[in-house]
Structures are given as structure tokens and as C-alpha cells.
């Protein structure tokens, strides 16, 4: 299926990865995990997959997982800062939100 995007937490690499149905890497976000806190430091969609909603799918999965784990979020990369600002349902996760 061409539109299939699978997002997984590749814990061994400290990043969430999006892959297509064939297993090809489409994009990722690197993170640093600390007790009670996850910092998203760098998000990237590979050029050939841009415009397909890959980054949004990664952000949604990673933020949903953070909520489920009871983690606060520090959106250090510009994409995550924008994503959280636009998707206010995640605002309560942001550490020191003002």
C-alpha cells in the first residue's frame, strides 16, 4: 500500500522512525530521554517523502507515547515547537508551558 506509514520507537537509536510498507526509512525524530522528560531535538523527513504527512505522523505517535508514559515534553526542534503550538491537545505535555 503506497500510503502506508508505520511509526516506531527505535529505542536503540533514541529516535522515532517512519517507514513505508517496504521498510524504507521516510523520516525520523531524534530524542533524549531523561527521567520524566523527553526532549525532541531534531526532526527530518527525507526529501523524496516530503509533503506526505510523514513528520506529522511521527509527531503524533511520539507525543501520544509520551502522554501514555507520563512524560513531559521539551520540543527543542522548530518542527515540534510549531506542531505543539498548532495542535493544542498536546500543550499540557510541554515542560514549563507558559
PDB file of N, CA and C in Angstrom:
ATOM      1  N   UNK A   1       0.850  -1.184   0.000  1.00  0.00           N
ATOM      2  CA  UNK A   1       0.000   0.000   0.000  1.00  0.00           C
ATOM      3  C   UNK A   1       0.892   1.243   0.000  1.00  0.00           C
ATOM      4  N   UNK A   2       0.737   2.082  -0.972  1.00  0.00           N
ATOM      5  CA  UNK A   2       1.610   3.230  -1.177  1.00  0.00           C
ATOM      6  C   UNK A   2       1.555   4.247  -0.045  1.00  0.00           C
ATOM      7  N   UNK A   3       0.389   4.465   0.550  1.00  0.00           N
ATOM      8  CA  UNK A   3       0.244   5.495   1.574  1.00  0.00           C
ATOM      9  C   UNK A   3       0.535   4.997   2.978  1.00  0.00           C
ATOM     10  N   UNK A   4       0.914   3.758   3.133  1.00  0.00           N
ATOM     11  CA  UNK A   4       1.152   3.218   4.460  1.00  0.00           C
ATOM     12  C   UNK A   4       2.398   3.832   5.082  1.00  0.00           C
ATOM     13  N   UNK A   5       2.232   4.321   6.302  1.00  0.00           N
ATOM     14  CA  UNK A   5       3.340   4.875   7.075  1.00  0.00           C
ATOM     15  C   UNK A   5       3.292   4.211   8.443  1.00  0.00           C
ATOM     16  N   UNK A   6       4.364   3.540   8.807  1.00  0.00           N
ATOM     17  CA  UNK A   6       4.459   2.891  10.106  1.00  0.00           C
ATOM     18  C   UNK A   6       5.493   3.653  10.926  1.00  0.00           C
ATOM     19  N   UNK A   7       5.083   4.091  12.122  1.00  0.00           N
ATOM     20  CA  UNK A   7       5.979   4.834  13.000  1.00  0.00           C
ATOM     21  C   UNK A   7       6.291   3.968  14.212  1.00  0.00           C
ATOM     22  N   UNK A   8       7.587   3.814  14.485  1.00  0.00           N
ATOM     23  CA  UNK A   8       8.027   3.013  15.630  1.00  0.00           C
ATOM     24  C   UNK A   8       9.073   3.782  16.428  1.00  0.00           C
ATOM     25  N   UNK A   9       9.144   3.451  17.709  1.00  0.00           N
ATOM     26  CA  UNK A   9      10.180   3.995  18.577  1.00  0.00           C
ATOM     27  C   UNK A   9      11.395   3.080  18.452  1.00  0.00           C
ATOM     28  N   UNK A  10      12.405   3.557  17.746  1.00  0.00           N
ATOM     29  CA  UNK A  10      13.654   2.804  17.596  1.00  0.00           C
ATOM     30  C   UNK A  10      14.541   3.156  18.790  1.00  0.00           C
ATOM     31  N   UNK A  11      14.217   2.576  19.934  1.00  0.00           N
ATOM     32  CA  UNK A  11      14.859   2.935  21.198  1.00  0.00           C
ATOM     33  C   UNK A  11      16.372   2.798  21.145  1.00  0.00           C
ATOM     34  N   UNK A  12      16.854   1.805  20.413  1.00  0.00           N
ATOM     35  CA  UNK A  12      18.301   1.588  20.324  1.00  0.00           C
ATOM     36  C   UNK A  12      19.019   2.749  19.636  1.00  0.00           C
ATOM     37  N   UNK A  13      18.265   3.572  18.897  1.00  0.00           N
ATOM     38  CA  UNK A  13      18.830   4.740  18.219  1.00  0.00           C
ATOM     39  C   UNK A  13      18.334   6.059  18.825  1.00  0.00           C
ATOM     40  N   UNK A  14      17.528   5.961  19.877  1.00  0.00           N
ATOM     41  CA  UNK A  14      16.923   7.135  20.522  1.00  0.00           C
ATOM     42  C   UNK A  14      16.216   8.020  19.501  1.00  0.00           C
ATOM     43  N   UNK A  15      15.367   7.381  18.710  1.00  0.00           N
ATOM     44  CA  UNK A  15      14.592   8.141  17.733  1.00  0.00           C
ATOM     45  C   UNK A  15      13.341   7.380  17.322  1.00  0.00           C
ATOM     46  N   UNK A  16      12.360   8.145  16.907  1.00  0.00           N
ATOM     47  CA  UNK A  16      11.169   7.580  16.272  1.00  0.00           C
ATOM     48  C   UNK A  16      11.429   7.573  14.778  1.00  0.00           C
ATOM     49  N   UNK A  17      11.048   6.493  14.125  1.00  0.00           N
ATOM     50  CA  UNK A  17      11.247   6.364  12.686  1.00  0.00           C
ATOM     51  C   UNK A  17       9.932   6.080  11.990  1.00  0.00           C
ATOM     52  N   UNK A  18       9.764   6.672  10.828  1.00  0.00           N
ATOM     53  CA  UNK A  18       8.634   6.371   9.952  1.00  0.00           C
ATOM     54  C   UNK A  18       9.182   5.587   8.765  1.00  0.00           C
ATOM     55  N   UNK A  19       8.490   4.499   8.459  1.00  0.00           N
ATOM     56  CA  UNK A  19       8.902   3.661   7.328  1.00  0.00           C
ATOM     57  C   UNK A  19       7.678   3.366   6.468  1.00  0.00           C
ATOM     58  N   UNK A  20       7.939   3.160   5.177  1.00  0.00           N
ATOM     59  CA  UNK A  20       6.838   2.812   4.283  1.00  0.00           C
ATOM     60  C   UNK A  20       6.587   1.307   4.353  1.00  0.00           C
ATOM     61  N   UNK A  21       5.619   0.827   3.568  1.00  0.00           N
ATOM     62  CA  UNK A  21       5.238  -0.587   3.611  1.00  0.00           C
ATOM     63  C   UNK A  21       6.399  -1.509   3.271  1.00  0.00           C
ATOM     64  N   UNK A  22       7.358  -1.024   2.493  1.00  0.00           N
ATOM     65  CA  UNK A  22       8.523  -1.816   2.131  1.00  0.00           C
ATOM     66  C   UNK A  22       9.661  -1.730   3.124  1.00  0.00           C
ATOM     67  N   UNK A  23       9.475  -0.950   4.201  1.00  0.00           N
ATOM     68  CA  UNK A  23      10.510  -0.823   5.222  1.00  0.00           C
ATOM     69  C   UNK A  23      11.495   0.309   4.988  1.00  0.00           C
ATOM     70  N   UNK A  24      11.277   1.096   3.930  1.00  0.00           N
ATOM     71  CA  UNK A  24      12.198   2.191   3.630  1.00  0.00           C
ATOM     72  C   UNK A  24      11.984   3.344   4.607  1.00  0.00           C
ATOM     73  N   UNK A  25      13.089   3.868   5.138  1.00  0.00           N
ATOM     74  CA  UNK A  25      13.025   4.995   6.054  1.00  0.00           C
ATOM     75  C   UNK A  25      12.490   6.224   5.331  1.00  0.00           C
ATOM     76  N   UNK A  26      11.465   6.845   5.927  1.00  0.00           N
ATOM     77  CA  UNK A  26      10.840   8.035   5.349  1.00  0.00           C
ATOM     78  C   UNK A  26      11.204   9.300   6.130  1.00  0.00           C
ATOM     79  N   UNK A  27      11.393   9.146   7.432  1.00  0.00           N
ATOM     80  CA  UNK A  27      11.701  10.287   8.282  1.00  0.00           C
ATOM     81  C   UNK A  27      11.927   9.816   9.700  1.00  0.00           C
ATOM     82  N   UNK A  28      12.359  10.762  10.552  1.00  0.00           N
ATOM     83  CA  UNK A  28      12.669  10.403  11.937  1.00  0.00           C
ATOM     84  C   UNK A  28      12.698  11.649  12.804  1.00  0.00           C
ATOM     85  N   UNK A  29      12.645  11.423  14.111  1.00  0.00           N
ATOM     86  CA  UNK A  29      12.927  12.472  15.088  1.00  0.00           C
ATOM     87  C   UNK A  29      13.843  11.870  16.142  1.00  0.00           C
ATOM     88  N   UNK A  30      14.966  12.544  16.393  1.00  0.00           N
ATOM     89  CA  UNK A  30      15.890  12.145  17.447  1.00  0.00           C
ATOM     90  C   UNK A  30      15.387  12.699  18.770  1.00  0.00           C
ATOM     91  N   UNK A  31      15.596  11.941  19.828  1.00  0.00           N
ATOM     92  CA  UNK A  31      15.182  12.410  21.148  1.00  0.00           C
ATOM     93  C   UNK A  31      16.214  12.062  22.207  1.00  0.00           C
ATOM     94  N   UNK A  32      16.145  12.791  23.311  1.00  0.00           N
ATOM     95  CA  UNK A  32      16.910  12.475  24.517  1.00  0.00           C
ATOM     96  C   UNK A  32      15.880  12.162  25.596  1.00  0.00           C
ATOM     97  N   UNK A  33      16.049  11.049  26.252  1.00  0.00           N
ATOM     98  CA  UNK A  33      15.119  10.622  27.287  1.00  0.00           C
ATOM     99  C   UNK A  33      15.785  10.759  28.647  1.00  0.00           C
ATOM    100  N   UNK A  34      15.098  11.446  29.544  1.00  0.00           N
ATOM    101  CA  UNK A  34      15.547  11.628  30.925  1.00  0.00           C
ATOM    102  C   UNK A  34      14.391  11.219  31.827  1.00  0.00           C
ATOM    103  N   UNK A  35      14.637  10.959  33.094  1.00  0.00           N
ATOM    104  CA  UNK A  35      13.525  10.598  33.980  1.00  0.00           C
ATOM    105  C   UNK A  35      12.405  11.654  33.933  1.00  0.00           C
ATOM    106  N   UNK A  36      11.245  11.230  33.497  1.00  0.00           N
ATOM    107  CA  UNK A  36      10.079  12.104  33.458  1.00  0.00           C
ATOM    108  C   UNK A  36      10.030  13.094  32.308  1.00  0.00           C
ATOM    109  N   UNK A  37      11.014  13.063  31.405  1.00  0.00           N
ATOM    110  CA  UNK A  37      11.104  14.068  30.344  1.00  0.00           C
ATOM    111  C   UNK A  37      11.677  13.476  29.059  1.00  0.00           C
ATOM    112  N   UNK A  38      11.052  13.838  27.939  1.00  0.00           N
ATOM    113  CA  UNK A  38      11.612  13.503  26.627  1.00  0.00           C
ATOM    114  C   UNK A  38      11.800  14.809  25.860  1.00  0.00           C
ATOM    115  N   UNK A  39      13.000  14.979  25.310  1.00  0.00           N
ATOM    116  CA  UNK A  39      13.325  16.164  24.516  1.00  0.00           C
ATOM    117  C   UNK A  39      13.445  15.740  23.063  1.00  0.00           C
ATOM    118  N   UNK A  40      12.623  16.357  22.209  1.00  0.00           N
ATOM    119  CA  UNK A  40      12.705  16.087  20.780  1.00  0.00           C
ATOM    120  C   UNK A  40      13.664  17.109  20.178  1.00  0.00           C
ATOM    121  N   UNK A  41      14.802  16.624  19.652  1.00  0.00           N
ATOM    122  CA  UNK A  41      15.883  17.528  19.270  1.00  0.00           C
ATOM    123  C   UNK A  41      16.031  17.779  17.776  1.00  0.00           C
ATOM    124  N   UNK A  42      15.633  16.832  16.949  1.00  0.00           N
ATOM    125  CA  UNK A  42      15.816  17.036  15.504  1.00  0.00           C
ATOM    126  C   UNK A  42      14.851  16.146  14.731  1.00  0.00           C
ATOM    127  N   UNK A  43      13.980  16.761  13.958  1.00  0.00           N
ATOM    128  CA  UNK A  43      13.043  16.015  13.106  1.00  0.00           C
ATOM    129  C   UNK A  43      13.423  16.228  11.651  1.00  0.00           C
ATOM    130  N   UNK A  44      13.312  15.156  10.889  1.00  0.00           N
ATOM    131  CA  UNK A  44      13.665  15.250   9.465  1.00  0.00           C
ATOM    132  C   UNK A  44      12.837  14.273   8.652  1.00  0.00           C
ATOM    133  N   UNK A  45      12.317  14.758   7.530  1.00  0.00           N
ATOM    134  CA  UNK A  45      11.666  13.901   6.545  1.00  0.00           C
ATOM    135  C   UNK A  45      12.598  13.851   5.346  1.00  0.00           C
ATOM    136  N   UNK A  46      12.871  12.658   4.856  1.00  0.00           N
ATOM    137  CA  UNK A  46      13.748  12.528   3.695  1.00  0.00           C
ATOM    138  C   UNK A  46      13.090  13.217   2.499  1.00  0.00           C
ATOM    139  N   UNK A  47      13.888  13.876   1.660  1.00  0.00           N
ATOM    140  CA  UNK A  47      13.332  14.723   0.595  1.00  0.00           C
ATOM    141  C   UNK A  47      12.284  14.056  -0.282  1.00  0.00           C
ATOM    142  N   UNK A  48      12.471  12.819  -0.633  1.00  0.00           N
ATOM    143  CA  UNK A  48      11.529  12.156  -1.544  1.00  0.00           C
ATOM    144  C   UNK A  48      10.179  11.850  -0.898  1.00  0.00           C
ATOM    145  N   UNK A  49      10.078  12.025   0.429  1.00  0.00           N
ATOM    146  CA  UNK A  49       8.826  11.737   1.134  1.00  0.00           C
ATOM    147  C   UNK A  49       8.147  12.990   1.690  1.00  0.00           C
ATOM    148  N   UNK A  50       8.702  14.150   1.440  1.00  0.00           N
ATOM    149  CA  UNK A  50       8.116  15.386   1.954  1.00  0.00           C
ATOM    150  C   UNK A  50       6.755  15.637   1.320  1.00  0.00           C
ATOM    151  N   UNK A  51       5.876  16.275   2.095  1.00  0.00           N
ATOM    152  CA  UNK A  51       4.543  16.593   1.607  1.00  0.00           C
ATOM    153  C   UNK A  51       3.541  15.460   1.734  1.00  0.00           C
ATOM    154  N   UNK A  52       3.897  14.407   2.430  1.00  0.00           N
ATOM    155  CA  UNK A  52       3.007  13.248   2.590  1.00  0.00           C
ATOM    156  C   UNK A  52       2.495  13.091   4.021  1.00  0.00           C
ATOM    157  N   UNK A  53       2.804  14.039   4.893  1.00  0.00           N
ATOM    158  CA  UNK A  53       2.349  13.956   6.275  1.00  0.00           C
ATOM    159  C   UNK A  53       3.207  13.089   7.174  1.00  0.00           C
ATOM    160  N   UNK A  54       4.409  12.769   6.722  1.00  0.00           N
ATOM    161  CA  UNK A  54       5.295  11.889   7.488  1.00  0.00           C
ATOM    162  C   UNK A  54       5.651  12.512   8.838  1.00  0.00           C
ATOM    163  N   UNK A  55       6.094  13.746   8.841  1.00  0.00           N
ATOM    164  CA  UNK A  55       6.518  14.392  10.088  1.00  0.00           C
ATOM    165  C   UNK A  55       5.364  14.489  11.081  1.00  0.00           C
ATOM    166  N   UNK A  56       4.191  14.795  10.583  1.00  0.00           N
ATOM    167  CA  UNK A  56       3.024  14.868  11.460  1.00  0.00           C
ATOM    168  C   UNK A  56       2.688  13.532  12.091  1.00  0.00           C
ATOM    169  N   UNK A  57       2.834  12.462  11.324  1.00  0.00           N
ATOM    170  CA  UNK A  57       2.564  11.118  11.862  1.00  0.00           C
ATOM    171  C   UNK A  57       3.584  10.759  12.941  1.00  0.00           C
ATOM    172  N   UNK A  58       4.850  11.133  12.704  1.00  0.00           N
ATOM    173  CA  UNK A  58       5.887  10.871  13.708  1.00  0.00           C
ATOM    174  C   UNK A  58       5.588  11.667  14.976  1.00  0.00           C
ATOM    175  N   UNK A  59       5.253  12.941  14.815  1.00  0.00           N
ATOM    176  CA  UNK A  59       4.971  13.793  15.976  1.00  0.00           C
ATOM    177  C   UNK A  59       3.785  13.253  16.766  1.00  0.00           C
ATOM    178  N   UNK A  60       2.721  12.894  16.087  1.00  0.00           N
ATOM    179  CA  UNK A  60       1.534  12.381  16.772  1.00  0.00           C
ATOM    180  C   UNK A  60       1.855  11.121  17.568  1.00  0.00           C
ATOM    181  N   UNK A  61       2.536  10.175  16.942  1.00  0.00           N
ATOM    182  CA  UNK A  61       2.880   8.916  17.633  1.00  0.00           C
ATOM    183  C   UNK A  61       3.792   9.175  18.823  1.00  0.00           C
ATOM    184  N   UNK A  62       4.814   9.999  18.636  1.00  0.00           N
ATOM    185  CA  UNK A  62       5.771  10.232  19.721  1.00  0.00           C
ATOM    186  C   UNK A  62       5.133  10.994  20.880  1.00  0.00           C
ATOM    187  N   UNK A  63       4.277  11.954  20.572  1.00  0.00           N
ATOM    188  CA  UNK A  63       3.606  12.712  21.631  1.00  0.00           C
ATOM    189  C   UNK A  63       2.559  11.859  22.338  1.00  0.00           C
ATOM    190  N   UNK A  64       1.842  11.028  21.604  1.00  0.00           N
ATOM    191  CA  UNK A  64       0.892  10.108  22.232  1.00  0.00           C
ATOM    192  C   UNK A  64       1.623   9.129  23.156  1.00  0.00           C
ATOM    193  N   UNK A  65       2.771   8.634  22.709  1.00  0.00           N
ATOM    194  CA  UNK A  65       3.564   7.731  23.549  1.00  0.00           C
ATOM    195  C   UNK A  65       4.065   8.449  24.803  1.00  0.00           C
ATOM    196  N   UNK A  66       4.494   9.708  24.654  1.00  0.00           N
ATOM    197  CA  UNK A  66       4.956  10.481  25.810  1.00  0.00           C
ATOM    198  C   UNK A  66       3.831  10.622  26.828  1.00  0.00           C
ATOM    199  N   UNK A  67       2.646  10.935  26.337  1.00  0.00           N
ATOM    200  CA  UNK A  67       1.478  11.054  27.237  1.00  0.00           C
ATOM    201  C   UNK A  67       1.221   9.733  27.960  1.00  0.00           C
ATOM    202  N   UNK A  68       1.216   8.636  27.210  1.00  0.00           N
ATOM    203  CA  UNK A  68       0.936   7.323  27.796  1.00  0.00           C
ATOM    204  C   UNK A  68       1.972   6.939  28.850  1.00  0.00           C
ATOM    205  N   UNK A  69       3.209   7.390  28.668  1.00  0.00           N
ATOM    206  CA  UNK A  69       4.291   7.074  29.606  1.00  0.00           C
ATOM    207  C   UNK A  69       4.363   8.082  30.754  1.00  0.00           C
ATOM    208  N   UNK A  70       3.520   9.102  30.727  1.00  0.00           N
ATOM    209  CA  UNK A  70       3.532  10.106  31.781  1.00  0.00           C
ATOM    210  C   UNK A  70       4.727  11.054  31.713  1.00  0.00           C
ATOM    211  N   UNK A  71       5.259  11.244  30.502  1.00  0.00           N
ATOM    212  CA  UNK A  71       6.428  12.103  30.335  1.00  0.00           C
ATOM    213  C   UNK A  71       6.035  13.537  30.003  1.00  0.00           C
ATOM    214  N   UNK A  72       6.839  14.484  30.481  1.00  0.00           N
ATOM    215  CA  UNK A  72       6.728  15.847  29.999  1.00  0.00           C
ATOM    216  C   UNK A  72       7.553  15.926  28.724  1.00  0.00           C
ATOM    217  N   UNK A  73       7.260  16.930  27.897  1.00  0.00           N
ATOM    218  CA  UNK A  73       7.907  17.066  26.592  1.00  0.00           C
ATOM    219  C   UNK A  73       8.628  18.407  26.517  1.00  0.00           C
ATOM    220  N   UNK A  74       9.844  18.353  25.991  1.00  0.00           N
ATOM    221  CA  UNK A  74      10.568  19.577  25.663  1.00  0.00           C
ATOM    222  C   UNK A  74      10.754  19.581  24.145  1.00  0.00           C
ATOM    223  N   UNK A  75       9.987  20.423  23.438  1.00  0.00           N
ATOM    224  CA  UNK A  75      10.107  20.465  21.976  1.00  0.00           C
ATOM    225  C   UNK A  75      11.263  21.379  21.561  1.00  0.00           C
ATOM    226  N   UNK A  76      12.476  20.834  21.498  1.00  0.00           N
ATOM    227  CA  UNK A  76      13.656  21.645  21.207  1.00  0.00           C
ATOM    228  C   UNK A  76      13.817  21.948  19.716  1.00  0.00           C
ATOM    229  N   UNK A  77      13.234  21.144  18.845  1.00  0.00           N
ATOM    230  CA  UNK A  77      13.388  21.402  17.411  1.00  0.00           C
ATOM    231  C   UNK A  77      12.228  22.264  16.912  1.00  0.00           C
ATOM    232  N   UNK A  78      12.482  23.103  15.917  1.00  0.00           N
ATOM    233  CA  UNK A  78      11.443  24.011  15.414  1.00  0.00           C
ATOM    234  C   UNK A  78      10.174  23.310  14.942  1.00  0.00           C
ATOM    235  N   UNK A  79      10.298  22.139  14.320  1.00  0.00           N
ATOM    236  CA  UNK A  79       9.097  21.452  13.858  1.00  0.00           C
ATOM    237  C   UNK A  79       8.190  21.092  15.035  1.00  0.00           C
ATOM    238  N   UNK A  80       8.751  20.536  16.084  1.00  0.00           N
ATOM    239  CA  UNK A  80       7.941  20.166  17.251  1.00  0.00           C
ATOM    240  C   UNK A  80       7.364  21.391  17.945  1.00  0.00           C
ATOM    241  N   UNK A  81       8.108  22.465  17.990  1.00  0.00           N
ATOM    242  CA  UNK A  81       7.577  23.702  18.573  1.00  0.00           C
ATOM    243  C   UNK A  81       6.340  24.154  17.810  1.00  0.00           C
ATOM    244  N   UNK A  82       6.416  24.150  16.491  1.00  0.00           N
ATOM    245  CA  UNK A  82       5.275  24.537  15.658  1.00  0.00           C
ATOM    246  C   UNK A  82       4.133  23.550  15.775  1.00  0.00           C
ATOM    247  N   UNK A  83       4.459  22.259  15.782  1.00  0.00           N
ATOM    248  CA  UNK A  83       3.425  21.230  15.838  1.00  0.00           C
ATOM    249  C   UNK A  83       2.609  21.355  17.120  1.00  0.00           C
ATOM    250  N   UNK A  84       3.293  21.515  18.253  1.00  0.00           N
ATOM    251  CA  UNK A  84       2.595  21.628  19.536  1.00  0.00           C
ATOM    252  C   UNK A  84       1.782  22.917  19.595  1.00  0.00           C
ATOM    253  N   UNK A  85       2.295  23.989  19.023  1.00  0.00           N
ATOM    254  CA  UNK A  85       1.552  25.254  19.003  1.00  0.00           C
ATOM    255  C   UNK A  85       0.263  25.117  18.192  1.00  0.00           C
ATOM    256  N   UNK A  86       0.316  24.351  17.102  1.00  0.00           N
ATOM    257  CA  UNK A  86      -0.850  24.175  16.234  1.00  0.00           C
ATOM    258  C   UNK A  86      -1.804  23.084  16.731  1.00  0.00           C
ATOM    259  N   UNK A  87      -1.306  22.154  17.486  1.00  0.00           N
ATOM    260  CA  UNK A  87      -2.110  21.035  17.996  1.00  0.00           C
ATOM    261  C   UNK A  87      -2.180  21.163  19.513  1.00  0.00           C
ATOM    262  N   UNK A  88      -3.064  22.029  19.950  1.00  0.00           N
ATOM    263  CA  UNK A  88      -3.129  22.396  21.360  1.00  0.00           C
ATOM    264  C   UNK A  88      -3.495  21.235  22.283  1.00  0.00           C
ATOM    265  N   UNK A  89      -3.962  20.140  21.728  1.00  0.00           N
ATOM    266  CA  UNK A  89      -4.257  18.979  22.568  1.00  0.00           C
ATOM    267  C   UNK A  89      -2.999  18.415  23.216  1.00  0.00           C
ATOM    268  N   UNK A  90      -1.829  18.838  22.749  1.00  0.00           N
ATOM    269  CA  UNK A  90      -0.557  18.388  23.333  1.00  0.00           C
ATOM    270  C   UNK A  90       0.087  19.450  24.237  1.00  0.00           C
ATOM    271  N   UNK A  91      -0.518  20.614  24.356  1.00  0.00           N
ATOM    272  CA  UNK A  91       0.082  21.717  25.112  1.00  0.00           C
ATOM    273  C   UNK A  91       0.357  21.337  26.566  1.00  0.00           C
ATOM    274  N   UNK A  92      -0.507  20.509  27.151  1.00  0.00           N
ATOM    275  CA  UNK A  92      -0.322  20.128  28.556  1.00  0.00           C
ATOM    276  C   UNK A  92       0.920  19.272  28.791  1.00  0.00           C
ATOM    277  N   UNK A  93       1.483  18.711  27.730  1.00  0.00           N
ATOM    278  CA  UNK A  93       2.688  17.879  27.869  1.00  0.00           C
ATOM    279  C   UNK A  93       3.962  18.708  27.956  1.00  0.00           C
ATOM    280  N   UNK A  94       3.906  19.951  27.480  1.00  0.00           N
ATOM    281  CA  UNK A  94       5.128  20.747  27.349  1.00  0.00           C
ATOM    282  C   UNK A  94       5.638  21.195  28.714  1.00  0.00           C
ATOM    283  N   UNK A  95       6.893  20.859  28.949  1.00  0.00           N
ATOM    284  CA  UNK A  95       7.539  21.246  30.206  1.00  0.00           C
ATOM    285  C   UNK A  95       7.618  22.762  30.284  1.00  0.00           C
ATOM    286  N   UNK A  96       7.232  23.291  31.433  1.00  0.00           N
ATOM    287  CA  UNK A  96       7.279  24.739  31.680  1.00  0.00           C
ATOM    288  C   UNK A  96       6.465  25.532  30.676  1.00  0.00           C
ATOM    289  N   UNK A  97       5.351  24.962  30.233  1.00  0.00           N
ATOM    290  CA  UNK A  97       4.477  25.689  29.304  1.00  0.00           C
ATOM    291  C   UNK A  97       3.961  26.935  29.982  1.00  0.00           C
ATOM    292  N   UNK A  98       4.006  28.039  29.260  1.00  0.00           N
ATOM    293  CA  UNK A  98       3.546  29.321  29.806  1.00  0.00           C
ATOM    294  C   UNK A  98       2.535  29.916  28.888  1.00  0.00           C
TER     295      UNK A  98
END
